[in-house]
Amino acid sequence: MAMLTVRNLPDEVHRALRVRAAQHGHSTEAEVREILAVAVKPETRVRLGDALSALGRKIGLTNEDFAVLQQVSDKTPAEPLGFE
């Protein structure tokens, strides 16, 4: 697991982190990990699979529609590019 060192953290920020950690029942280090995780990987981020699924439901796609698409799709393997 990676390690991160933060230098020159103002005293008031460190105090606020300690207070916030105590309020949440965490160590200061655990609180900082949680803050960073929420900042860079928010729960509200759009996930591609979820977005595509929602789009399919919105326009009314059914399993039968996908079966038809699979029947008509071209199963011929693509030819690799040649660089002669």
Protein backbone atom coordinates (compact mmCIF):
# COMPACT_ATOMS: atom_id res chain seq x y z
CA MET A 1 0.00 0.00 0.00
CA ALA A 2 1.28 3.49 -0.81
CA MET A 3 2.38 5.99 1.79
CA LEU A 4 1.90 9.76 1.59
CA THR A 5 3.61 12.50 3.58
CA VAL A 6 2.05 15.95 3.77
CA ARG A 7 4.48 18.70 4.68
CA ASN A 8 3.83 22.24 5.90
CA LEU A 9 0.29 21.53 7.08
CA PRO A 10 -0.94 24.60 8.96
CA ASP A 11 -1.52 24.02 12.68
CA GLU A 12 -5.18 25.07 12.44
CA VAL A 13 -5.80 22.50 9.67
CA HIS A 14 -4.15 19.78 11.74
CA ARG A 15 -6.26 20.75 14.78
CA ALA A 16 -9.43 20.68 12.65
CA LEU A 17 -8.49 17.23 11.34
CA ARG A 18 -7.95 15.93 14.88
CA VAL A 19 -11.33 17.32 15.99
CA ARG A 20 -13.10 15.88 12.95
CA ALA A 21 -11.43 12.49 13.49
CA ALA A 22 -12.52 12.47 17.14
CA GLN A 23 -16.10 13.30 16.12
CA HIS A 24 -16.12 10.31 13.76
CA GLY A 25 -14.31 8.00 16.20
CA HIS A 26 -11.27 7.70 13.91
CA SER A 27 -7.59 8.35 14.25
CA THR A 28 -6.36 11.44 12.43
CA GLU A 29 -4.67 9.20 9.87
CA ALA A 30 -7.88 7.22 9.23
CA GLU A 31 -9.84 10.46 8.89
CA VAL A 32 -7.39 11.80 6.29
CA ARG A 33 -7.66 8.51 4.34
CA GLU A 34 -11.45 8.81 4.37
CA ILE A 35 -11.37 12.46 3.25
CA LEU A 36 -9.00 11.63 0.38
CA ALA A 37 -11.04 8.60 -0.71
CA VAL A 38 -14.27 10.62 -0.83
CA ALA A 39 -12.54 13.45 -2.69
CA VAL A 40 -11.07 11.33 -5.48
CA LYS A 41 -13.63 8.50 -5.68
CA PRO A 42 -17.01 10.01 -4.86
CA GLU A 43 -19.95 7.62 -4.54
CA THR A 44 -21.96 9.79 -6.93
CA ARG A 45 -19.57 9.24 -9.84
CA VAL A 46 -21.15 7.91 -13.00
CA ARG A 47 -20.27 4.29 -13.69
CA LEU A 48 -20.40 3.32 -17.35
CA GLY A 49 -22.27 0.05 -16.82
CA ASP A 50 -24.89 1.72 -14.66
CA ALA A 51 -25.31 4.54 -17.19
CA LEU A 52 -25.75 2.10 -20.11
CA SER A 53 -28.21 0.00 -18.13
CA ALA A 54 -30.26 3.07 -17.23
CA LEU A 55 -30.25 4.20 -20.86
CA GLY A 56 -31.51 0.79 -22.00
CA ARG A 57 -34.33 0.88 -19.45
CA LYS A 58 -35.20 4.45 -20.41
CA ILE A 59 -35.64 3.63 -24.09
CA GLY A 60 -37.38 0.35 -23.31
CA LEU A 61 -34.88 -2.25 -24.53
CA THR A 62 -35.81 -5.84 -23.65
CA ASN A 63 -33.94 -9.14 -23.63
CA GLU A 64 -35.68 -9.97 -26.91
CA ASP A 65 -34.16 -6.85 -28.48
CA PHE A 66 -30.70 -8.01 -27.48
CA ALA A 67 -31.38 -11.50 -28.87
CA VAL A 68 -32.25 -9.97 -32.25
CA LEU A 69 -29.09 -7.86 -32.19
CA GLN A 70 -26.96 -10.92 -31.47
CA GLN A 71 -28.55 -12.82 -34.37
CA VAL A 72 -27.85 -10.13 -36.94
CA SER A 73 -24.39 -9.10 -35.76
CA ASP A 74 -21.47 -10.02 -38.01
CA LYS A 75 -19.51 -12.87 -36.41
CA THR A 76 -16.68 -12.74 -38.97
CA PRO A 77 -13.37 -12.04 -37.21
CA ALA A 78 -11.75 -8.79 -38.19
CA GLU A 79 -8.69 -8.95 -40.40
CA PRO A 80 -5.56 -7.62 -38.72
CA LEU A 81 -4.00 -4.52 -40.21
CA GLY A 82 -1.02 -5.02 -42.48
CA PHE A 83 1.90 -2.61 -42.42
CA GLU A 84 3.65 -3.52 -45.66
